[in-house]
Amino acid sequence: MRRALPKEIVLATGPTQSKAQNIAKEVRRRIVEGEWRQGVRIPDEADLAVEFDAARSTVNKALQLLADDGLLDRRRRAGTRVAVDPVRKATFTISIVREQVEHAGLAYSHRVVAQRESPVPDDIATRIGLAKGEVMVHMRAVHYADGRPFQLEDRWINPRAAPGLAGVDFRQLNANEWLVRNAPYLHAELAFSAENADSRDARLLETRPGQALLILYRTTWNDLGPITTVRVAFQPGHIVGTEGNFWPGQYTGG
């Protein structure tokens, strides 16, 4: 006889959501909130079928949904593990800047220019679906390639959607890499624009005010809400690679 689920993880079913989808949602929550860490083998399908009071085929379908999203790594005879770098296997790739720079044969470094907890501006709160005045971590950082500015990011991070954030020293590990490895997302929005460098952009990217810059705006969400929203300004002369990645080109600015 199957044992009853603990009350806190009873899965609701209804006409718009199958039991497999509900199981997938609960497994995703455990991954997002860090209960199941990257590389860790999760319980076998038979054990999960008992836990969720479901047929094994239903559990299999739920896990496959998450494997298709890149959150799980399933291998015959090796079981199912939480994927390493799960975000990077989703619909589009969020690159680790350090890897981009090192792949180009250049030395990587970064500098946190500013970091503090602050109420998110009203326009950003409205755009990402938070209440006005919600407090987030606001930071600016510059990534360098061979000591020259590679890109500048102005980032807001939601601590409620990124468990473990409080213990991270972003002077040692940049926010881009920590988020890719520790905060898997469910969906994202991505937009590009061309903007003229203001005085801050020019100073931090070591170019001239008014220089045309390629700008990337990206926001990611998980079940807990928006994870991060970031404005990335690229050093003039970078080129677009595959999957929207950016690679060092000729440094033409400043």
C-alpha atoms as a PDB file:
ATOM      1  CA  MET A   1       0.000   0.000   0.000  1.00  0.00           C
ATOM      2  CA  ARG A   2       1.317   3.436  -0.881  1.00  0.00           C
ATOM      3  CA  ARG A   3       1.827   5.830   1.976  1.00  0.00           C
ATOM      4  CA  ALA A   4       0.057   9.182   1.963  1.00  0.00           C
ATOM      5  CA  LEU A   5       1.953  12.282   0.952  1.00  0.00           C
ATOM      6  CA  PRO A   6       2.915  14.740   3.693  1.00  0.00           C
ATOM      7  CA  LYS A   7       0.313  17.457   3.672  1.00  0.00           C
ATOM      8  CA  GLU A   8       2.763  20.158   2.566  1.00  0.00           C
ATOM      9  CA  ILE A   9       3.537  18.422  -0.737  1.00  0.00           C
ATOM     10  CA  VAL A  10       0.111  17.104  -1.712  1.00  0.00           C
ATOM     11  CA  LEU A  11      -0.159  17.746  -5.441  1.00  0.00           C
ATOM     12  CA  ALA A  12      -3.278  19.419  -6.738  1.00  0.00           C
ATOM     13  CA  THR A  13      -4.702  18.126 -10.012  1.00  0.00           C
ATOM     14  CA  GLY A  14      -7.218  19.695 -12.286  1.00  0.00           C
ATOM     15  CA  PRO A  15      -8.364  19.963 -15.892  1.00  0.00           C
ATOM     16  CA  THR A  16      -5.565  22.357 -16.860  1.00  0.00           C
ATOM     17  CA  GLN A  17      -2.651  20.597 -15.178  1.00  0.00           C
ATOM     18  CA  SER A  18      -1.821  16.887 -15.253  1.00  0.00           C
ATOM     19  CA  LYS A  19      -0.389  14.978 -12.338  1.00  0.00           C
ATOM     20  CA  ALA A  20       2.900  14.652 -14.216  1.00  0.00           C
ATOM     21  CA  GLN A  21       3.083  18.432 -14.523  1.00  0.00           C
ATOM     22  CA  ASN A  22       2.417  18.823 -10.816  1.00  0.00           C
ATOM     23  CA  ILE A  23       5.146  16.318  -9.959  1.00  0.00           C
ATOM     24  CA  ALA A  24       7.507  18.161 -12.300  1.00  0.00           C
ATOM     25  CA  LYS A  25       6.655  21.426 -10.547  1.00  0.00           C
ATOM     26  CA  GLU A  26       7.479  19.952  -7.120  1.00  0.00           C
ATOM     27  CA  VAL A  27      10.768  18.449  -8.342  1.00  0.00           C
ATOM     28  CA  ARG A  28      11.654  21.764  -9.991  1.00  0.00           C
ATOM     29  CA  ARG A  29      10.960  23.543  -6.697  1.00  0.00           C
ATOM     30  CA  ARG A  30      13.380  21.262  -4.873  1.00  0.00           C
ATOM     31  CA  ILE A  31      16.067  22.026  -7.456  1.00  0.00           C
ATOM     32  CA  VAL A  32      15.419  25.784  -7.494  1.00  0.00           C
ATOM     33  CA  GLU A  33      15.421  26.041  -3.688  1.00  0.00           C
ATOM     34  CA  GLY A  34      18.597  23.996  -3.396  1.00  0.00           C
ATOM     35  CA  GLU A  35      17.147  20.899  -1.715  1.00  0.00           C
ATOM     36  CA  TRP A  36      18.604  18.852  -4.580  1.00  0.00           C
ATOM     37  CA  ARG A  37      21.983  20.270  -5.632  1.00  0.00           C
ATOM     38  CA  GLN A  38      23.687  20.122  -9.016  1.00  0.00           C
ATOM     39  CA  GLY A  39      25.220  16.729  -9.748  1.00  0.00           C
ATOM     40  CA  VAL A  40      23.262  14.978  -6.979  1.00  0.00           C
ATOM     41  CA  ARG A  41      21.407  11.791  -7.875  1.00  0.00           C
ATOM     42  CA  ILE A  42      17.708  12.099  -7.103  1.00  0.00           C
ATOM     43  CA  PRO A  43      15.531   9.250  -5.774  1.00  0.00           C
ATOM     44  CA  ASP A  44      14.659   6.438  -8.191  1.00  0.00           C
ATOM     45  CA  GLU A  45      11.402   6.553 -10.124  1.00  0.00           C
ATOM     46  CA  ALA A  46       9.936   3.762  -8.003  1.00  0.00           C
ATOM     47  CA  ASP A  47      10.604   5.693  -4.787  1.00  0.00           C
ATOM     48  CA  LEU A  48       9.167   8.892  -6.249  1.00  0.00           C
ATOM     49  CA  ALA A  49       6.095   7.007  -7.436  1.00  0.00           C
ATOM     50  CA  VAL A  50       5.470   5.952  -3.825  1.00  0.00           C
ATOM     51  CA  GLU A  51       6.155   9.447  -2.489  1.00  0.00           C
ATOM     52  CA  PHE A  52       3.820  11.142  -4.966  1.00  0.00           C
ATOM     53  CA  ASP A  53       1.196   8.358  -4.981  1.00  0.00           C
ATOM     54  CA  ALA A  54       1.491   8.069  -8.752  1.00  0.00           C
ATOM     55  CA  ALA A  55       2.179   5.473 -11.406  1.00  0.00           C
ATOM     56  CA  ARG A  56       5.826   5.031 -12.292  1.00  0.00           C
ATOM     57  CA  SER A  57       5.026   6.001 -15.892  1.00  0.00           C
ATOM     58  CA  THR A  58       3.643   9.316 -14.604  1.00  0.00           C
ATOM     59  CA  VAL A  59       6.836   9.999 -12.659  1.00  0.00           C
ATOM     60  CA  ASN A  60       8.868   9.091 -15.735  1.00  0.00           C
ATOM     61  CA  LYS A  61       6.910  11.620 -17.793  1.00  0.00           C
ATOM     62  CA  ALA A  62       7.416  14.317 -15.131  1.00  0.00           C
ATOM     63  CA  LEU A  63      11.171  13.741 -14.985  1.00  0.00           C
ATOM     64  CA  GLN A  64      11.407  13.766 -18.758  1.00  0.00           C
ATOM     65  CA  LEU A  65       9.717  17.175 -18.841  1.00  0.00           C
ATOM     66  CA  LEU A  66      12.493  18.493 -16.585  1.00  0.00           C
ATOM     67  CA  ALA A  67      15.173  16.714 -18.601  1.00  0.00           C
ATOM     68  CA  ASP A  68      13.818  18.412 -21.726  1.00  0.00           C
ATOM     69  CA  ASP A  69      14.163  21.741 -19.892  1.00  0.00           C
ATOM     70  CA  GLY A  70      17.775  20.911 -19.057  1.00  0.00           C
ATOM     71  CA  LEU A  71      17.273  20.622 -15.289  1.00  0.00           C
ATOM     72  CA  LEU A  72      17.860  16.870 -15.064  1.00  0.00           C
ATOM     73  CA  ASP A  73      20.448  14.574 -16.618  1.00  0.00           C
ATOM     74  CA  ARG A  74      18.976  11.115 -17.257  1.00  0.00           C
ATOM     75  CA  ARG A  75      21.143   8.144 -18.181  1.00  0.00           C
ATOM     76  CA  ARG A  76      20.302   4.462 -18.451  1.00  0.00           C
ATOM     77  CA  ARG A  77      21.636   2.438 -15.521  1.00  0.00           C
ATOM     78  CA  ALA A  78      23.163   5.589 -13.998  1.00  0.00           C
ATOM     79  CA  GLY A  79      19.947   7.065 -12.654  1.00  0.00           C
ATOM     80  CA  THR A  80      18.801  10.685 -12.813  1.00  0.00           C
ATOM     81  CA  ARG A  81      20.893  13.570 -11.511  1.00  0.00           C
ATOM     82  CA  VAL A  82      20.344  17.283 -11.187  1.00  0.00           C
ATOM     83  CA  ALA A  83      22.082  18.753 -14.218  1.00  0.00           C
ATOM     84  CA  VAL A  84      25.298  20.696 -13.801  1.00  0.00           C
ATOM     85  CA  ASP A  85      24.921  24.275 -15.158  1.00  0.00           C
ATOM     86  CA  PRO A  86      21.174  23.631 -15.738  1.00  0.00           C
ATOM     87  CA  VAL A  87      20.393  27.158 -16.918  1.00  0.00           C
ATOM     88  CA  ARG A  88      22.775  26.858 -19.817  1.00  0.00           C
ATOM     89  CA  LYS A  89      20.825  23.919 -21.261  1.00  0.00           C
ATOM     90  CA  ALA A  90      17.527  25.772 -21.482  1.00  0.00           C
ATOM     91  CA  THR A  91      15.929  27.335 -24.563  1.00  0.00           C
ATOM     92  CA  PHE A  92      18.668  29.892 -25.016  1.00  0.00           C
ATOM     93  CA  THR A  93      22.125  30.005 -23.556  1.00  0.00           C
ATOM     94  CA  ILE A  94      23.252  32.368 -20.830  1.00  0.00           C
ATOM     95  CA  SER A  95      27.009  32.418 -21.168  1.00  0.00           C
ATOM     96  CA  ILE A  96      29.509  32.473 -18.335  1.00  0.00           C
ATOM     97  CA  VAL A  97      31.542  35.575 -19.137  1.00  0.00           C
ATOM     98  CA  ARG A  98      34.737  34.192 -17.635  1.00  0.00           C
ATOM     99  CA  GLU A  99      34.556  31.187 -19.968  1.00  0.00           C
ATOM    100  CA  GLN A 100      33.995  33.441 -22.984  1.00  0.00           C
ATOM    101  CA  VAL A 101      37.098  35.466 -22.203  1.00  0.00           C
ATOM    102  CA  GLU A 102      39.270  32.442 -21.442  1.00  0.00           C
ATOM    103  CA  HIS A 103      38.012  30.650 -24.558  1.00  0.00           C
ATOM    104  CA  ALA A 104      39.392  33.582 -26.561  1.00  0.00           C
ATOM    105  CA  GLY A 105      42.796  32.989 -24.953  1.00  0.00           C
ATOM    106  CA  LEU A 106      42.643  36.081 -22.736  1.00  0.00           C
ATOM    107  CA  ALA A 107      43.064  36.494 -18.981  1.00  0.00           C
ATOM    108  CA  TYR A 108      39.794  37.087 -17.139  1.00  0.00           C
ATOM    109  CA  SER A 109      39.187  39.345 -14.132  1.00  0.00           C
ATOM    110  CA  HIS A 110      36.279  41.338 -12.764  1.00  0.00           C
ATOM    111  CA  ARG A 111      35.610  44.219 -10.396  1.00  0.00           C
ATOM    112  CA  VAL A 112      32.515  45.014  -8.346  1.00  0.00           C
ATOM    113  CA  VAL A 113      32.009  48.760  -8.673  1.00  0.00           C
ATOM    114  CA  ALA A 114      29.054  49.017  -6.283  1.00  0.00           C
ATOM    115  CA  GLN A 115      26.772  46.668  -4.367  1.00  0.00           C
ATOM    116  CA  ARG A 116      23.971  47.370  -1.912  1.00  0.00           C
ATOM    117  CA  GLU A 117      20.411  46.423  -0.994  1.00  0.00           C
ATOM    118  CA  SER A 118      18.011  48.990  -2.393  1.00  0.00           C
ATOM    119  CA  PRO A 119      14.324  49.411  -3.332  1.00  0.00           C
ATOM    120  CA  VAL A 120      13.896  48.482  -6.970  1.00  0.00           C
ATOM    121  CA  PRO A 121      12.868  51.432  -9.212  1.00  0.00           C
ATOM    122  CA  ASP A 122       9.158  51.522 -10.028  1.00  0.00           C
ATOM    123  CA  ASP A 123       9.640  50.992 -13.767  1.00  0.00           C
ATOM    124  CA  ILE A 124      11.759  47.874 -13.203  1.00  0.00           C
ATOM    125  CA  ALA A 125       9.356  46.526 -10.554  1.00  0.00           C
ATOM    126  CA  THR A 126       6.434  46.887 -12.962  1.00  0.00           C
ATOM    127  CA  ARG A 127       8.328  45.261 -15.824  1.00  0.00           C
ATOM    128  CA  ILE A 128       9.423  42.176 -13.874  1.00  0.00           C
ATOM    129  CA  GLY A 129       6.306  41.738 -11.778  1.00  0.00           C
ATOM    130  CA  LEU A 130       7.352  42.866  -8.299  1.00  0.00           C
ATOM    131  CA  ALA A 131       5.636  45.198  -5.871  1.00  0.00           C
ATOM    132  CA  LYS A 132       6.903  48.759  -5.935  1.00  0.00           C
ATOM    133  CA  GLY A 133       9.520  49.357  -3.281  1.00  0.00           C
ATOM    134  CA  GLU A 134      10.600  45.693  -3.138  1.00  0.00           C
ATOM    135  CA  VAL A 135      14.181  45.482  -1.855  1.00  0.00           C
ATOM    136  CA  MET A 136      16.702  43.750  -4.098  1.00  0.00           C
ATOM    137  CA  VAL A 137      20.477  43.554  -4.362  1.00  0.00           C
ATOM    138  CA  HIS A 138      21.720  46.194  -6.809  1.00  0.00           C
ATOM    139  CA  MET A 139      25.217  45.901  -8.178  1.00  0.00           C
ATOM    140  CA  ARG A 140      27.438  47.189 -10.949  1.00  0.00           C
ATOM    141  CA  ALA A 141      30.444  45.215 -12.114  1.00  0.00           C
ATOM    142  CA  VAL A 142      32.974  45.281 -14.932  1.00  0.00           C
ATOM    143  CA  HIS A 143      34.371  42.160 -16.604  1.00  0.00           C
ATOM    144  CA  TYR A 144      37.886  42.434 -18.036  1.00  0.00           C
ATOM    145  CA  ALA A 145      39.825  40.603 -20.749  1.00  0.00           C
ATOM    146  CA  ASP A 146      43.596  40.968 -20.480  1.00  0.00           C
ATOM    147  CA  GLY A 147      43.020  43.946 -18.196  1.00  0.00           C
ATOM    148  CA  ARG A 148      40.803  45.800 -20.664  1.00  0.00           C
ATOM    149  CA  PRO A 149      37.050  46.300 -20.057  1.00  0.00           C
ATOM    150  CA  PHE A 150      35.050  43.571 -21.760  1.00  0.00           C
ATOM    151  CA  GLN A 151      31.530  44.351 -20.577  1.00  0.00           C
ATOM    152  CA  LEU A 152      29.721  46.331 -17.925  1.00  0.00           C
ATOM    153  CA  GLU A 153      26.685  45.009 -16.085  1.00  0.00           C
ATOM    154  CA  ASP A 154      24.117  46.857 -14.014  1.00  0.00           C
ATOM    155  CA  ARG A 155      22.218  44.108 -12.202  1.00  0.00           C
ATOM    156  CA  TRP A 156      19.325  43.677  -9.766  1.00  0.00           C
ATOM    157  CA  ILE A 157      19.074  40.321  -7.956  1.00  0.00           C
ATOM    158  CA  ASN A 158      16.032  39.112  -6.048  1.00  0.00           C
ATOM    159  CA  PRO A 159      17.221  37.307  -2.875  1.00  0.00           C
ATOM    160  CA  ARG A 160      13.864  35.568  -2.477  1.00  0.00           C
ATOM    161  CA  ALA A 161      14.297  33.812  -5.846  1.00  0.00           C
ATOM    162  CA  ALA A 162      18.010  33.069  -5.414  1.00  0.00           C
ATOM    163  CA  PRO A 163      18.472  30.986  -2.232  1.00  0.00           C
ATOM    164  CA  GLY A 164      21.996  31.213  -0.862  1.00  0.00           C
ATOM    165  CA  LEU A 165      22.629  34.694  -2.228  1.00  0.00           C
ATOM    166  CA  ALA A 166      23.372  36.205   1.176  1.00  0.00           C
ATOM    167  CA  GLY A 167      26.483  34.095   1.659  1.00  0.00           C
ATOM    168  CA  VAL A 168      28.127  34.911  -1.675  1.00  0.00           C
ATOM    169  CA  ASP A 169      31.138  37.218  -1.971  1.00  0.00           C
ATOM    170  CA  PHE A 170      30.806  38.641  -5.474  1.00  0.00           C
ATOM    171  CA  ARG A 171      34.301  40.089  -5.269  1.00  0.00           C
ATOM    172  CA  GLN A 172      35.568  36.499  -5.487  1.00  0.00           C
ATOM    173  CA  LEU A 173      32.948  34.964  -7.801  1.00  0.00           C
ATOM    174  CA  ASN A 174      31.122  37.192 -10.272  1.00  0.00           C
ATOM    175  CA  ALA A 175      27.323  37.327 -10.164  1.00  0.00           C
ATOM    176  CA  ASN A 176      26.909  36.080 -13.728  1.00  0.00           C
ATOM    177  CA  GLU A 177      28.723  32.825 -12.998  1.00  0.00           C
ATOM    178  CA  TRP A 178      27.115  32.271  -9.589  1.00  0.00           C
ATOM    179  CA  LEU A 179      23.606  32.758 -10.979  1.00  0.00           C
ATOM    180  CA  VAL A 180      24.190  30.471 -13.973  1.00  0.00           C
ATOM    181  CA  ARG A 181      25.411  27.713 -11.673  1.00  0.00           C
ATOM    182  CA  ASN A 182      23.005  28.169  -8.750  1.00  0.00           C
ATOM    183  CA  ALA A 183      19.746  29.781  -9.899  1.00  0.00           C
ATOM    184  CA  PRO A 184      18.136  27.770 -12.739  1.00  0.00           C
ATOM    185  CA  TYR A 185      15.395  29.688 -14.482  1.00  0.00           C
ATOM    186  CA  LEU A 186      12.071  28.659 -16.032  1.00  0.00           C
ATOM    187  CA  HIS A 187      11.739  31.456 -18.563  1.00  0.00           C
ATOM    188  CA  ALA A 188      13.519  34.596 -19.627  1.00  0.00           C
ATOM    189  CA  GLU A 189      13.153  37.783 -21.625  1.00  0.00           C
ATOM    190  CA  LEU A 190      15.952  39.088 -23.820  1.00  0.00           C
ATOM    191  CA  ALA A 191      16.214  42.353 -25.740  1.00  0.00           C
ATOM    192  CA  PHE A 192      18.967  44.256 -27.538  1.00  0.00           C
ATOM    193  CA  SER A 193      19.319  47.946 -28.249  1.00  0.00           C
ATOM    194  CA  ALA A 194      21.920  50.448 -29.396  1.00  0.00           C
ATOM    195  CA  GLU A 195      22.613  53.295 -26.982  1.00  0.00           C
ATOM    196  CA  ASN A 196      25.149  56.076 -26.720  1.00  0.00           C
ATOM    197  CA  ALA A 197      27.521  55.736 -23.781  1.00  0.00           C
ATOM    198  CA  ASP A 198      26.700  58.052 -20.899  1.00  0.00           C
ATOM    199  CA  SER A 199      29.454  59.326 -18.631  1.00  0.00           C
ATOM    200  CA  ARG A 200      29.348  56.240 -16.370  1.00  0.00           C
ATOM    201  CA  ASP A 201      29.399  53.798 -19.304  1.00  0.00           C
ATOM    202  CA  ALA A 202      32.291  55.689 -20.861  1.00  0.00           C
ATOM    203  CA  ARG A 203      34.326  55.802 -17.665  1.00  0.00           C
ATOM    204  CA  LEU A 204      33.899  52.121 -16.785  1.00  0.00           C
ATOM    205  CA  LEU A 205      34.311  50.833 -20.347  1.00  0.00           C
ATOM    206  CA  GLU A 206      37.185  53.229 -20.980  1.00  0.00           C
ATOM    207  CA  THR A 207      35.605  54.708 -24.064  1.00  0.00           C
ATOM    208  CA  ARG A 208      34.311  58.159 -24.927  1.00  0.00           C
ATOM    209  CA  PRO A 209      30.909  59.629 -23.950  1.00  0.00           C
ATOM    210  CA  GLY A 210      28.480  59.313 -26.828  1.00  0.00           C
ATOM    211  CA  GLN A 211      30.177  56.185 -28.217  1.00  0.00           C
ATOM    212  CA  ALA A 212      27.586  53.815 -29.707  1.00  0.00           C
ATOM    213  CA  LEU A 213      27.250  50.692 -27.549  1.00  0.00           C
ATOM    214  CA  LEU A 214      25.425  47.424 -27.983  1.00  0.00           C
ATOM    215  CA  ILE A 215      23.190  46.883 -24.932  1.00  0.00           C
ATOM    216  CA  LEU A 216      21.605  43.640 -23.756  1.00  0.00           C
ATOM    217  CA  TYR A 217      18.655  43.587 -21.357  1.00  0.00           C
ATOM    218  CA  ARG A 218      17.894  40.189 -19.806  1.00  0.00           C
ATOM    219  CA  THR A 219      15.500  39.051 -17.067  1.00  0.00           C
ATOM    220  CA  THR A 220      15.053  35.517 -15.731  1.00  0.00           C
ATOM    221  CA  TRP A 221      12.310  34.001 -13.559  1.00  0.00           C
ATOM    222  CA  ASN A 222      11.742  30.796 -11.600  1.00  0.00           C
ATOM    223  CA  ASP A 223       8.849  29.517  -9.472  1.00  0.00           C
ATOM    224  CA  LEU A 224       9.837  31.957  -6.716  1.00  0.00           C
ATOM    225  CA  GLY A 225       9.611  35.044  -8.930  1.00  0.00           C
ATOM    226  CA  PRO A 226      12.082  37.140 -10.932  1.00  0.00           C
ATOM    227  CA  ILE A 227      15.660  36.049 -10.249  1.00  0.00           C
ATOM    228  CA  THR A 228      17.632  38.852 -11.820  1.00  0.00           C
ATOM    229  CA  THR A 229      17.344  41.620 -14.362  1.00  0.00           C
ATOM    230  CA  VAL A 230      20.491  43.030 -15.910  1.00  0.00           C
ATOM    231  CA  ARG A 231      21.629  45.665 -18.382  1.00  0.00           C
ATOM    232  CA  VAL A 232      24.858  44.620 -20.088  1.00  0.00           C
ATOM    233  CA  ALA A 233      26.871  47.206 -22.041  1.00  0.00           C
ATOM    234  CA  PHE A 234      29.493  45.741 -24.376  1.00  0.00           C
ATOM    235  CA  GLN A 235      32.850  47.245 -25.191  1.00  0.00           C
ATOM    236  CA  PRO A 236      32.794  48.612 -28.785  1.00  0.00           C
ATOM    237  CA  GLY A 237      34.346  46.128 -31.181  1.00  0.00           C
ATOM    238  CA  HIS A 238      32.839  42.929 -29.770  1.00  0.00           C
ATOM    239  CA  ILE A 239      31.184  40.562 -32.204  1.00  0.00           C
ATOM    240  CA  VAL A 240      28.135  38.326 -31.851  1.00  0.00           C
ATOM    241  CA  GLY A 241      28.841  34.598 -31.814  1.00  0.00           C
ATOM    242  CA  THR A 242      26.526  31.613 -31.941  1.00  0.00           C
ATOM    243  CA  GLU A 243      23.532  31.443 -29.563  1.00  0.00           C
ATOM    244  CA  GLY A 244      23.799  35.143 -28.799  1.00  0.00           C
ATOM    245  CA  ASN A 245      27.207  34.880 -27.145  1.00  0.00           C
ATOM    246  CA  PHE A 246      29.661  37.765 -27.369  1.00  0.00           C
ATOM    247  CA  TRP A 247      33.357  37.438 -28.062  1.00  0.00           C
ATOM    248  CA  PRO A 248      36.209  39.918 -27.833  1.00  0.00           C
ATOM    249  CA  GLY A 249      36.865  41.606 -31.143  1.00  0.00           C
ATOM    250  CA  GLN A 250      39.110  44.543 -31.883  1.00  0.00           C
ATOM    251  CA  TYR A 251      39.049  47.131 -29.116  1.00  0.00           C
ATOM    252  CA  THR A 252      38.051  50.311 -30.923  1.00  0.00           C
ATOM    253  CA  GLY A 253      36.819  52.443 -28.048  1.00  0.00           C
ATOM    254  CA  GLY A 254      38.681  54.953 -25.919  1.00  0.00           C
END
